[in-house]
């Protein structure tokens, strides 16, 4: 029996079938614009990292115009090169400066890299270009190289020298800043109000990192705080090599009145962690009623420079020391809450109303009010 002749089917060109069609630039733009800007903004919000957001902005001009807004909303600069690039970018594109709400300069200097002479100018120009923007949180924390003998970074020294060389009164902060995190020497000697007689900025939260063991809140030490005393709600003081009772900030004869401060955080930091036995147990309060000068204080948070603490069982040295401090704090201050923050973002928290204090260690993020910059 003769076999039926099958019709021949042309072989499929697999290579040709898998080659994508090359779209023109106009066609690509049309396809991206098919989604409204609101949808693209939502996509940008869901993008995981700033690096991925930057890649999205590099696709084309249309996506760059959309992605640049969330990309420049929260900016962290971790090197002088990044500072130079950001300063030049917002000078060329003012709309990106207007998008910035959070700006952090934070890095540790490398002793092998010299600070360029133009670096202070980058910084000054950046701040000037942000003056009429929407920056609410500003952090300037540049640290000297590890194991350096100096306590002030080369960058900070260069900025201060630049201000003196040009005979400037200082660097005015943007009026929009509400929370400021910086070195104590920059706050005192470098940042100034936009106009004489005005406050530095209507700050609500302030964090000062000092290179001294003692930093009393006095008018003599911080006359710059006096103009912002009415707006200030949350204050954080970080002290180097401190091993004193957390109430030592009360030991002064000319106290600074901060009537509206509700939250005070005292941070002790050391190159090497210590234990309770390395601390002094005496508050050494001078007899000044601190409640008259901090009448609105509700929460005191203390971060000792301790090594890791596993538990606070009765009879342990950490338990005994914290119990002693707790009694002193509630005896001296008319506050609602006292918290001791331990390594690995954990804390033990006490209320003034506690009849039997609980010494359980819990995650710090269990409490919304233990954050100096929450406004």
Foldseek 3Di string as FASTA:
>chain_A
DDDDDDDDDDDDDVVVVPDDDDDDPVVVVVVVVVDPLVVLLVVLVPDDDLVVLVVQLPPDVVSVVNSLLVSLQADEAADLVSLQVVLVVCVVPVVSLQSYAHYEYDYEDDPVDDDDLCSLVSVLSSQVSNQPHQHAEYEYYYAYHPPDPDGDHPSVVSNLVVCVVVVHQARQGRQNYAEYHYELCCLARHQDHPDPPAQSHLYQFYEYEYAAQDDAAACVRCVSCQRNLARYAFYEYEYEPHQEQPLLSQADDGHAARARHAEYEYEYAYPAADDNVSHDLDSNHPPDQCCVRHVNHAEYEYEHRHDADDFQDPPDPVVVSVVSSVVVDVVRDVYAKYWYAGPPQKIQIAGNPDPPGDRGIGHNVVDPPPDRPDD
